[in-house]
Amino acid sequence: RGARYTKIHKPQEMVYFEEYVSRSLAMKREREIKKL
């Protein structure tokens, strides 16, 4: 029930996560990480 990509490509293992109080802050951090 997540994003379309992960419906097809099931996650194998979670190697890193961060928790945020709001979705907007989490999405901002995700964009930062994707640029690394």
PDB file of all heavy atoms in Angstrom:
ATOM      1  N   ARG A   1       0.808  -1.205   0.000  1.00  0.00           N
ATOM      2  CA  ARG A   1       0.000   0.000   0.000  1.00  0.00           C
ATOM      3  C   ARG A   1       0.848   1.264   0.000  1.00  0.00           C
ATOM      4  O   ARG A   1       0.315   2.360   0.174  1.00  0.00           O
ATOM      5  CB  ARG A   1      -0.941  -0.007   1.194  1.00  0.00           C
ATOM      6  CG  ARG A   1      -1.938  -1.151   1.077  1.00  0.00           C
ATOM      7  CD  ARG A   1      -2.960  -1.243   2.174  1.00  0.00           C
ATOM      8  NE  ARG A   1      -2.896  -0.269   3.223  1.00  0.00           N
ATOM      9  CZ  ARG A   1      -3.067  -0.545   4.505  1.00  0.00           C
ATOM     10  NH1 ARG A   1      -3.281  -1.776   4.885  1.00  0.00           N
ATOM     11  NH2 ARG A   1      -3.027   0.406   5.399  1.00  0.00           N
ATOM     12  N   GLY A   2       2.143   1.154  -0.201  1.00  0.00           N
ATOM     13  CA  GLY A   2       3.025   2.307  -0.252  1.00  0.00           C
ATOM     14  C   GLY A   2       3.140   2.827  -1.680  1.00  0.00           C
ATOM     15  O   GLY A   2       2.236   2.642  -2.494  1.00  0.00           O
ATOM     16  N   ALA A   3       4.241   3.443  -1.986  1.00  0.00           N
ATOM     17  CA  ALA A   3       4.485   3.983  -3.318  1.00  0.00           C
ATOM     18  C   ALA A   3       4.470   2.879  -4.377  1.00  0.00           C
ATOM     19  O   ALA A   3       4.748   1.717  -4.086  1.00  0.00           O
ATOM     20  CB  ALA A   3       5.824   4.715  -3.342  1.00  0.00           C
ATOM     21  N   ARG A   4       4.136   3.239  -5.606  1.00  0.00           N
ATOM     22  CA  ARG A   4       4.033   2.261  -6.692  1.00  0.00           C
ATOM     23  C   ARG A   4       5.339   1.493  -6.884  1.00  0.00           C
ATOM     24  O   ARG A   4       5.334   0.282  -7.093  1.00  0.00           O
ATOM     25  CB  ARG A   4       3.658   2.961  -7.990  1.00  0.00           C
ATOM     26  CG  ARG A   4       3.426   1.967  -9.104  1.00  0.00           C
ATOM     27  CD  ARG A   4       3.089   2.539 -10.444  1.00  0.00           C
ATOM     28  NE  ARG A   4       2.632   3.907 -10.435  1.00  0.00           N
ATOM     29  CZ  ARG A   4       2.537   4.654 -11.520  1.00  0.00           C
ATOM     30  NH1 ARG A   4       2.858   4.157 -12.680  1.00  0.00           N
ATOM     31  NH2 ARG A   4       2.126   5.885 -11.453  1.00  0.00           N
ATOM     32  N   TYR A   5       6.481   2.180  -6.828  1.00  0.00           N
ATOM     33  CA  TYR A   5       7.775   1.527  -7.016  1.00  0.00           C
ATOM     34  C   TYR A   5       7.955   0.394  -6.006  1.00  0.00           C
ATOM     35  O   TYR A   5       8.377  -0.702  -6.346  1.00  0.00           O
ATOM     36  CB  TYR A   5       8.915   2.528  -6.905  1.00  0.00           C
ATOM     37  CG  TYR A   5      10.279   1.897  -7.060  1.00  0.00           C
ATOM     38  CD1 TYR A   5      10.831   1.712  -8.323  1.00  0.00           C
ATOM     39  CD2 TYR A   5      11.002   1.460  -5.964  1.00  0.00           C
ATOM     40  CE1 TYR A   5      12.060   1.110  -8.488  1.00  0.00           C
ATOM     41  CE2 TYR A   5      12.237   0.857  -6.113  1.00  0.00           C
ATOM     42  CZ  TYR A   5      12.764   0.691  -7.372  1.00  0.00           C
ATOM     43  OH  TYR A   5      13.983   0.092  -7.532  1.00  0.00           O
ATOM     44  N   THR A   6       7.613   0.675  -4.745  1.00  0.00           N
ATOM     45  CA  THR A   6       7.839  -0.346  -3.714  1.00  0.00           C
ATOM     46  C   THR A   6       6.775  -1.437  -3.738  1.00  0.00           C
ATOM     47  O   THR A   6       6.937  -2.467  -3.085  1.00  0.00           O
ATOM     48  CB  THR A   6       7.927   0.271  -2.307  1.00  0.00           C
ATOM     49  OG1 THR A   6       6.763   1.048  -2.062  1.00  0.00           O
ATOM     50  CG2 THR A   6       9.168   1.123  -2.163  1.00  0.00           C
ATOM     51  N   LYS A   7       5.679  -1.229  -4.462  1.00  0.00           N
ATOM     52  CA  LYS A   7       4.719  -2.322  -4.641  1.00  0.00           C
ATOM     53  C   LYS A   7       5.353  -3.418  -5.478  1.00  0.00           C
ATOM     54  O   LYS A   7       5.131  -4.599  -5.262  1.00  0.00           O
ATOM     55  CB  LYS A   7       3.452  -1.821  -5.336  1.00  0.00           C
ATOM     56  CG  LYS A   7       2.551  -1.017  -4.457  1.00  0.00           C
ATOM     57  CD  LYS A   7       1.321  -0.596  -5.214  1.00  0.00           C
ATOM     58  CE  LYS A   7       0.457   0.302  -4.381  1.00  0.00           C
ATOM     59  NZ  LYS A   7      -0.732   0.746  -5.099  1.00  0.00           N
ATOM     60  N   ILE A   8       6.167  -3.000  -6.459  1.00  0.00           N
ATOM     61  CA  ILE A   8       6.821  -3.932  -7.367  1.00  0.00           C
ATOM     62  C   ILE A   8       8.144  -4.427  -6.783  1.00  0.00           C
ATOM     63  O   ILE A   8       8.460  -5.602  -6.847  1.00  0.00           O
ATOM     64  CB  ILE A   8       7.060  -3.274  -8.733  1.00  0.00           C
ATOM     65  CG1 ILE A   8       5.711  -2.885  -9.359  1.00  0.00           C
ATOM     66  CG2 ILE A   8       7.837  -4.193  -9.666  1.00  0.00           C
ATOM     67  CD1 ILE A   8       5.829  -1.950 -10.531  1.00  0.00           C
ATOM     68  N   HIS A   9       8.926  -3.521  -6.208  1.00  0.00           N
ATOM     69  CA  HIS A   9      10.245  -3.827  -5.654  1.00  0.00           C
ATOM     70  C   HIS A   9      10.154  -3.786  -4.135  1.00  0.00           C
ATOM     71  O   HIS A   9      10.341  -2.738  -3.529  1.00  0.00           O
ATOM     72  CB  HIS A   9      11.290  -2.823  -6.142  1.00  0.00           C
ATOM     73  CG  HIS A   9      11.370  -2.727  -7.617  1.00  0.00           C
ATOM     74  ND1 HIS A   9      10.612  -1.835  -8.349  1.00  0.00           N
ATOM     75  CD2 HIS A   9      12.105  -3.414  -8.514  1.00  0.00           C
ATOM     76  CE1 HIS A   9      10.887  -1.974  -9.624  1.00  0.00           C
ATOM     77  NE2 HIS A   9      11.795  -2.935  -9.758  1.00  0.00           N
ATOM     78  N   LYS A  10       9.850  -4.900  -3.539  1.00  0.00           N
ATOM     79  CA  LYS A  10       9.678  -4.971  -2.091  1.00  0.00           C
ATOM     80  C   LYS A  10      10.976  -4.616  -1.363  1.00  0.00           C
ATOM     81  O   LYS A  10      12.049  -5.071  -1.755  1.00  0.00           O
ATOM     82  CB  LYS A  10       9.238  -6.372  -1.661  1.00  0.00           C
ATOM     83  CG  LYS A  10       7.957  -6.842  -2.291  1.00  0.00           C
ATOM     84  CD  LYS A  10       6.780  -6.132  -1.705  1.00  0.00           C
ATOM     85  CE  LYS A  10       5.502  -6.729  -2.273  1.00  0.00           C
ATOM     86  NZ  LYS A  10       4.433  -5.796  -2.341  1.00  0.00           N
ATOM     87  N   PRO A  11      10.882  -3.799  -0.299  1.00  0.00           N
ATOM     88  CA  PRO A  11      12.075  -3.477   0.501  1.00  0.00           C
ATOM     89  C   PRO A  11      12.669  -4.749   1.101  1.00  0.00           C
ATOM     90  O   PRO A  11      11.925  -5.611   1.578  1.00  0.00           O
ATOM     91  CB  PRO A  11      11.555  -2.563   1.600  1.00  0.00           C
ATOM     92  CG  PRO A  11      10.237  -2.064   1.120  1.00  0.00           C
ATOM     93  CD  PRO A  11       9.702  -3.126   0.208  1.00  0.00           C
ATOM     94  N   GLN A  12      13.973  -4.875   1.057  1.00  0.00           N
ATOM     95  CA  GLN A  12      14.647  -6.056   1.586  1.00  0.00           C
ATOM     96  C   GLN A  12      15.041  -5.865   3.053  1.00  0.00           C
ATOM     97  O   GLN A  12      14.853  -6.742   3.872  1.00  0.00           O
ATOM     98  CB  GLN A  12      15.909  -6.360   0.760  1.00  0.00           C
ATOM     99  CG  GLN A  12      15.624  -6.645  -0.691  1.00  0.00           C
ATOM    100  CD  GLN A  12      14.772  -7.889  -0.870  1.00  0.00           C
ATOM    101  OE1 GLN A  12      15.045  -8.914  -0.263  1.00  0.00           O
ATOM    102  NE2 GLN A  12      13.740  -7.792  -1.678  1.00  0.00           N
ATOM    103  N   GLU A  13      15.603  -4.703   3.347  1.00  0.00           N
ATOM    104  CA  GLU A  13      16.110  -4.454   4.695  1.00  0.00           C
ATOM    105  C   GLU A  13      16.192  -2.950   4.920  1.00  0.00           C
ATOM    106  O   GLU A  13      16.599  -2.209   4.035  1.00  0.00           O
ATOM    107  CB  GLU A  13      17.504  -5.070   4.822  1.00  0.00           C
ATOM    108  CG  GLU A  13      18.191  -4.817   6.127  1.00  0.00           C
ATOM    109  CD  GLU A  13      19.610  -5.361   6.160  1.00  0.00           C
ATOM    110  OE1 GLU A  13      20.129  -5.774   5.121  1.00  0.00           O
ATOM    111  OE2 GLU A  13      20.195  -5.333   7.247  1.00  0.00           O
ATOM    112  N   MET A  14      15.806  -2.506   6.084  1.00  0.00           N
ATOM    113  CA  MET A  14      15.933  -1.091   6.409  1.00  0.00           C
ATOM    114  C   MET A  14      17.314  -0.895   7.039  1.00  0.00           C
ATOM    115  O   MET A  14      17.654  -1.545   8.030  1.00  0.00           O
ATOM    116  CB  MET A  14      14.860  -0.649   7.393  1.00  0.00           C
ATOM    117  CG  MET A  14      14.945   0.837   7.664  1.00  0.00           C
ATOM    118  SD  MET A  14      13.730   1.454   8.837  1.00  0.00           S
ATOM    119  CE  MET A  14      12.214   1.039   8.043  1.00  0.00           C
ATOM    120  N   VAL A  15      18.118  -0.042   6.443  1.00  0.00           N
ATOM    121  CA  VAL A  15      19.476   0.164   6.946  1.00  0.00           C
ATOM    122  C   VAL A  15      19.632   1.517   7.631  1.00  0.00           C
ATOM    123  O   VAL A  15      20.622   1.759   8.302  1.00  0.00           O
ATOM    124  CB  VAL A  15      20.530   0.028   5.823  1.00  0.00           C
ATOM    125  CG1 VAL A  15      20.575  -1.396   5.302  1.00  0.00           C
ATOM    126  CG2 VAL A  15      20.275   1.009   4.708  1.00  0.00           C
ATOM    127  N   TYR A  16      18.642   2.403   7.446  1.00  0.00           N
ATOM    128  CA  TYR A  16      18.753   3.734   8.033  1.00  0.00           C
ATOM    129  C   TYR A  16      17.370   4.356   8.126  1.00  0.00           C
ATOM    130  O   TYR A  16      16.545   4.177   7.237  1.00  0.00           O
ATOM    131  CB  TYR A  16      19.655   4.609   7.160  1.00  0.00           C
ATOM    132  CG  TYR A  16      19.843   6.012   7.686  1.00  0.00           C
ATOM    133  CD1 TYR A  16      20.785   6.284   8.662  1.00  0.00           C
ATOM    134  CD2 TYR A  16      19.077   7.066   7.210  1.00  0.00           C
ATOM    135  CE1 TYR A  16      20.953   7.554   9.164  1.00  0.00           C
ATOM    136  CE2 TYR A  16      19.242   8.352   7.709  1.00  0.00           C
ATOM    137  CZ  TYR A  16      20.179   8.588   8.683  1.00  0.00           C
ATOM    138  OH  TYR A  16      20.346   9.849   9.182  1.00  0.00           O
ATOM    139  N   PHE A  17      17.092   5.062   9.194  1.00  0.00           N
ATOM    140  CA  PHE A  17      15.852   5.822   9.279  1.00  0.00           C
ATOM    141  C   PHE A  17      16.019   6.983  10.243  1.00  0.00           C
ATOM    142  O   PHE A  17      16.892   6.979  11.108  1.00  0.00           O
ATOM    143  CB  PHE A  17      14.670   4.933   9.695  1.00  0.00           C
ATOM    144  CG  PHE A  17      14.668   4.565  11.161  1.00  0.00           C
ATOM    145  CD1 PHE A  17      13.959   5.324  12.069  1.00  0.00           C
ATOM    146  CD2 PHE A  17      15.363   3.463  11.611  1.00  0.00           C
ATOM    147  CE1 PHE A  17      13.942   4.980  13.411  1.00  0.00           C
ATOM    148  CE2 PHE A  17      15.355   3.113  12.939  1.00  0.00           C
ATOM    149  CZ  PHE A  17      14.645   3.875  13.848  1.00  0.00           C
ATOM    150  N   GLU A  18      15.202   7.983  10.057  1.00  0.00           N
ATOM    151  CA  GLU A  18      15.118   9.126  10.946  1.00  0.00           C
ATOM    152  C   GLU A  18      13.632   9.363  11.188  1.00  0.00           C
ATOM    153  O   GLU A  18      12.814   9.106  10.313  1.00  0.00           O
ATOM    154  CB  GLU A  18      15.728  10.374  10.309  1.00  0.00           C
ATOM    155  CG  GLU A  18      17.215  10.278  10.036  1.00  0.00           C
ATOM    156  CD  GLU A  18      17.768  11.524   9.338  1.00  0.00           C
ATOM    157  OE1 GLU A  18      17.068  12.548   9.246  1.00  0.00           O
ATOM    158  OE2 GLU A  18      18.909  11.450   8.880  1.00  0.00           O
ATOM    159  N   GLU A  19      13.275   9.848  12.358  1.00  0.00           N
ATOM    160  CA  GLU A  19      11.883  10.141  12.666  1.00  0.00           C
ATOM    161  C   GLU A  19      11.692  11.647  12.770  1.00  0.00           C
ATOM    162  O   GLU A  19      12.550  12.347  13.306  1.00  0.00           O
ATOM    163  CB  GLU A  19      11.476   9.476  13.975  1.00  0.00           C
ATOM    164  CG  GLU A  19      11.447   7.966  13.895  1.00  0.00           C
ATOM    165  CD  GLU A  19      10.905   7.336  15.166  1.00  0.00           C
ATOM    166  OE1 GLU A  19       9.711   7.560  15.452  1.00  0.00           O
ATOM    167  OE2 GLU A  19      11.685   6.654  15.831  1.00  0.00           O
ATOM    168  N   TYR A  20      10.566  12.121  12.241  1.00  0.00           N
ATOM    169  CA  TYR A  20      10.230  13.543  12.278  1.00  0.00           C
ATOM    170  C   TYR A  20       8.807  13.717  12.763  1.00  0.00           C
ATOM    171  O   TYR A  20       7.973  12.832  12.596  1.00  0.00           O
ATOM    172  CB  TYR A  20      10.411  14.168  10.885  1.00  0.00           C
ATOM    173  CG  TYR A  20      11.863  14.302  10.514  1.00  0.00           C
ATOM    174  CD1 TYR A  20      12.533  13.278   9.862  1.00  0.00           C
ATOM    175  CD2 TYR A  20      12.580  15.425  10.865  1.00  0.00           C
ATOM    176  CE1 TYR A  20      13.875  13.377   9.546  1.00  0.00           C
ATOM    177  CE2 TYR A  20      13.922  15.539  10.551  1.00  0.00           C
ATOM    178  CZ  TYR A  20      14.563  14.516   9.897  1.00  0.00           C
ATOM    179  OH  TYR A  20      15.891  14.623   9.600  1.00  0.00           O
ATOM    180  N   VAL A  21       8.525  14.884  13.335  1.00  0.00           N
ATOM    181  CA  VAL A  21       7.203  15.150  13.890  1.00  0.00           C
ATOM    182  C   VAL A  21       6.175  15.474  12.807  1.00  0.00           C
ATOM    183  O   VAL A  21       4.980  15.337  13.035  1.00  0.00           O
ATOM    184  CB  VAL A  21       7.244  16.299  14.932  1.00  0.00           C
ATOM    185  CG1 VAL A  21       8.045  15.871  16.154  1.00  0.00           C
ATOM    186  CG2 VAL A  21       7.806  17.571  14.331  1.00  0.00           C
ATOM    187  N   SER A  22       6.638  15.888  11.645  1.00  0.00           N
ATOM    188  CA  SER A  22       5.692  16.199  10.572  1.00  0.00           C
ATOM    189  C   SER A  22       6.161  15.594   9.253  1.00  0.00           C
ATOM    190  O   SER A  22       7.351  15.374   9.043  1.00  0.00           O
ATOM    191  CB  SER A  22       5.537  17.709  10.403  1.00  0.00           C
ATOM    192  OG  SER A  22       6.696  18.268   9.826  1.00  0.00           O
ATOM    193  N   ARG A  23       5.202  15.329   8.397  1.00  0.00           N
ATOM    194  CA  ARG A  23       5.511  14.764   7.084  1.00  0.00           C
ATOM    195  C   ARG A  23       6.334  15.751   6.254  1.00  0.00           C
ATOM    196  O   ARG A  23       7.244  15.343   5.545  1.00  0.00           O
ATOM    197  CB  ARG A  23       4.220  14.413   6.361  1.00  0.00           C
ATOM    198  CG  ARG A  23       4.462  13.771   5.034  1.00  0.00           C
ATOM    199  CD  ARG A  23       3.160  13.435   4.340  1.00  0.00           C
ATOM    200  NE  ARG A  23       3.457  12.936   3.017  1.00  0.00           N
ATOM    201  CZ  ARG A  23       3.007  11.812   2.535  1.00  0.00           C
ATOM    202  NH1 ARG A  23       2.230  11.058   3.265  1.00  0.00           N
ATOM    203  NH2 ARG A  23       3.314  11.437   1.327  1.00  0.00           N
ATOM    204  N   SER A  24       6.042  17.044   6.360  1.00  0.00           N
ATOM    205  CA  SER A  24       6.777  18.037   5.561  1.00  0.00           C
ATOM    206  C   SER A  24       8.259  18.065   5.926  1.00  0.00           C
ATOM    207  O   SER A  24       9.114  18.162   5.047  1.00  0.00           O
ATOM    208  CB  SER A  24       6.156  19.422   5.696  1.00  0.00           C
ATOM    209  OG  SER A  24       6.227  19.877   7.023  1.00  0.00           O
ATOM    210  N   LEU A  25       8.579  17.959   7.204  1.00  0.00           N
ATOM    211  CA  LEU A  25       9.983  17.918   7.622  1.00  0.00           C
ATOM    212  C   LEU A  25      10.654  16.635   7.127  1.00  0.00           C
ATOM    213  O   LEU A  25      11.805  16.648   6.689  1.00  0.00           O
ATOM    214  CB  LEU A  25      10.109  18.013   9.139  1.00  0.00           C
ATOM    215  CG  LEU A  25       9.798  19.364   9.762  1.00  0.00           C
ATOM    216  CD1 LEU A  25       9.801  19.266  11.279  1.00  0.00           C
ATOM    217  CD2 LEU A  25      10.778  20.421   9.288  1.00  0.00           C
ATOM    218  N   ALA A  26       9.926  15.531   7.191  1.00  0.00           N
ATOM    219  CA  ALA A  26      10.470  14.248   6.725  1.00  0.00           C
ATOM    220  C   ALA A  26      10.737  14.291   5.227  1.00  0.00           C
ATOM    221  O   ALA A  26      11.767  13.809   4.762  1.00  0.00           O
ATOM    222  CB  ALA A  26       9.515  13.120   7.065  1.00  0.00           C
ATOM    223  N   MET A  27       9.822  14.873   4.459  1.00  0.00           N
ATOM    224  CA  MET A  27       9.986  14.968   3.007  1.00  0.00           C
ATOM    225  C   MET A  27      11.167  15.875   2.649  1.00  0.00           C
ATOM    226  O   MET A  27      11.919  15.594   1.715  1.00  0.00           O
ATOM    227  CB  MET A  27       8.708  15.487   2.350  1.00  0.00           C
ATOM    228  CG  MET A  27       7.512  14.564   2.539  1.00  0.00           C
ATOM    229  SD  MET A  27       7.704  12.964   1.771  1.00  0.00           S
ATOM    230  CE  MET A  27       7.376  13.392   0.085  1.00  0.00           C
ATOM    231  N   LYS A  28      11.341  16.946   3.403  1.00  0.00           N
ATOM    232  CA  LYS A  28      12.478  17.848   3.183  1.00  0.00           C
ATOM    233  C   LYS A  28      13.789  17.105   3.409  1.00  0.00           C
ATOM    234  O   LYS A  28      14.718  17.191   2.610  1.00  0.00           O
ATOM    235  CB  LYS A  28      12.381  19.056   4.119  1.00  0.00           C
ATOM    236  CG  LYS A  28      13.480  20.056   3.927  1.00  0.00           C
ATOM    237  CD  LYS A  28      13.311  21.249   4.846  1.00  0.00           C
ATOM    238  CE  LYS A  28      14.464  22.214   4.657  1.00  0.00           C
ATOM    239  NZ  LYS A  28      14.372  23.370   5.538  1.00  0.00           N
ATOM    240  N   ARG A  29      13.850  16.333   4.489  1.00  0.00           N
ATOM    241  CA  ARG A  29      15.069  15.557   4.790  1.00  0.00           C
ATOM    242  C   ARG A  29      15.309  14.486   3.731  1.00  0.00           C
ATOM    243  O   ARG A  29      16.450  14.249   3.327  1.00  0.00           O
ATOM    244  CB  ARG A  29      14.954  14.918   6.176  1.00  0.00           C
ATOM    245  CG  ARG A  29      16.153  14.089   6.559  1.00  0.00           C
ATOM    246  CD  ARG A  29      17.425  14.895   6.607  1.00  0.00           C
ATOM    247  NE  ARG A  29      18.507  14.047   7.070  1.00  0.00           N
ATOM    248  CZ  ARG A  29      19.769  14.172   6.707  1.00  0.00           C
ATOM    249  NH1 ARG A  29      20.125  15.150   5.906  1.00  0.00           N
ATOM    250  NH2 ARG A  29      20.681  13.347   7.161  1.00  0.00           N
ATOM    251  N   GLU A  30      14.228  13.861   3.244  1.00  0.00           N
ATOM    252  CA  GLU A  30      14.369  12.850   2.193  1.00  0.00           C
ATOM    253  C   GLU A  30      14.991  13.464   0.939  1.00  0.00           C
ATOM    254  O   GLU A  30      15.867  12.869   0.316  1.00  0.00           O
ATOM    255  CB  GLU A  30      13.015  12.237   1.849  1.00  0.00           C
ATOM    256  CG  GLU A  30      13.101  11.157   0.800  1.00  0.00           C
ATOM    257  CD  GLU A  30      11.768  10.523   0.461  1.00  0.00           C
ATOM    258  OE1 GLU A  30      10.722  11.000   0.934  1.00  0.00           O
ATOM    259  OE2 GLU A  30      11.776   9.540  -0.299  1.00  0.00           O
ATOM    260  N   ARG A  31      14.545  14.663   0.571  1.00  0.00           N
ATOM    261  CA  ARG A  31      15.132  15.346  -0.600  1.00  0.00           C
ATOM    262  C   ARG A  31      16.616  15.623  -0.385  1.00  0.00           C
ATOM    263  O   ARG A  31      17.419  15.472  -1.300  1.00  0.00           O
ATOM    264  CB  ARG A  31      14.380  16.640  -0.893  1.00  0.00           C
ATOM    265  CG  ARG A  31      13.027  16.422  -1.543  1.00  0.00           C
ATOM    266  CD  ARG A  31      12.409  17.707  -2.046  1.00  0.00           C
ATOM    267  NE  ARG A  31      12.197  18.692  -0.995  1.00  0.00           N
ATOM    268  CZ  ARG A  31      11.116  18.769  -0.220  1.00  0.00           C
ATOM    269  NH1 ARG A  31      10.143  17.901  -0.366  1.00  0.00           N
ATOM    270  NH2 ARG A  31      11.019  19.704   0.702  1.00  0.00           N
ATOM    271  N   GLU A  32      16.980  16.028   0.845  1.00  0.00           N
ATOM    272  CA  GLU A  32      18.396  16.275   1.155  1.00  0.00           C
ATOM    273  C   GLU A  32      19.212  14.996   0.991  1.00  0.00           C
ATOM    274  O   GLU A  32      20.296  15.017   0.412  1.00  0.00           O
ATOM    275  CB  GLU A  32      18.550  16.797   2.586  1.00  0.00           C
ATOM    276  CG  GLU A  32      18.006  18.185   2.811  1.00  0.00           C
ATOM    277  CD  GLU A  32      18.006  18.587   4.282  1.00  0.00           C
ATOM    278  OE1 GLU A  32      18.361  17.752   5.152  1.00  0.00           O
ATOM    279  OE2 GLU A  32      17.650  19.738   4.564  1.00  0.00           O
ATOM    280  N   ILE A  33      18.704  13.895   1.504  1.00  0.00           N
ATOM    281  CA  ILE A  33      19.421  12.620   1.438  1.00  0.00           C
ATOM    282  C   ILE A  33      19.550  12.148   0.001  1.00  0.00           C
ATOM    283  O   ILE A  33      20.600  11.651  -0.409  1.00  0.00           O
ATOM    284  CB  ILE A  33      18.738  11.559   2.321  1.00  0.00           C
ATOM    285  CG1 ILE A  33      18.908  11.934   3.800  1.00  0.00           C
ATOM    286  CG2 ILE A  33      19.302  10.166   2.055  1.00  0.00           C
ATOM    287  CD1 ILE A  33      18.126  11.074   4.763  1.00  0.00           C
ATOM    288  N   LYS A  34      18.505  12.317  -0.801  1.00  0.00           N
ATOM    289  CA  LYS A  34      18.555  11.884  -2.196  1.00  0.00           C
ATOM    290  C   LYS A  34      19.611  12.639  -2.998  1.00  0.00           C
ATOM    291  O   LYS A  34      20.124  12.125  -3.984  1.00  0.00           O
ATOM    292  CB  LYS A  34      17.188  12.036  -2.852  1.00  0.00           C
ATOM    293  CG  LYS A  34      16.216  10.972  -2.399  1.00  0.00           C
ATOM    294  CD  LYS A  34      14.910  11.071  -3.140  1.00  0.00           C
ATOM    295  CE  LYS A  34      14.012   9.921  -2.741  1.00  0.00           C
ATOM    296  NZ  LYS A  34      12.854   9.816  -3.604  1.00  0.00           N
ATOM    297  N   LYS A  35      19.965  13.837  -2.573  1.00  0.00           N
ATOM    298  CA  LYS A  35      20.975  14.634  -3.272  1.00  0.00           C
ATOM    299  C   LYS A  35      22.398  14.216  -2.914  1.00  0.00           C
ATOM    300  O   LYS A  35      23.344  14.610  -3.594  1.00  0.00           O
ATOM    301  CB  LYS A  35      20.792  16.122  -2.955  1.00  0.00           C
ATOM    302  CG  LYS A  35      19.550  16.709  -3.575  1.00  0.00           C
ATOM    303  CD  LYS A  35      19.404  18.167  -3.224  1.00  0.00           C
ATOM    304  CE  LYS A  35      18.123  18.744  -3.792  1.00  0.00           C
ATOM    305  NZ  LYS A  35      17.950  20.159  -3.425  1.00  0.00           N
ATOM    306  N   LEU A  36      22.561  13.416  -1.859  1.00  0.00           N
ATOM    307  CA  LEU A  36      23.888  12.977  -1.441  1.00  0.00           C
ATOM    308  C   LEU A  36      24.459  11.981  -2.447  1.00  0.00           C
ATOM    309  O   LEU A  36      23.723  11.250  -3.103  1.00  0.00           O
ATOM    310  CB  LEU A  36      23.825  12.305  -0.070  1.00  0.00           C
ATOM    311  CG  LEU A  36      23.381  13.152   1.111  1.00  0.00           C
ATOM    312  CD1 LEU A  36      23.280  12.287   2.366  1.00  0.00           C
ATOM    313  CD2 LEU A  36      24.302  14.329   1.333  1.00  0.00           C
TER     314      LEU A  36
END
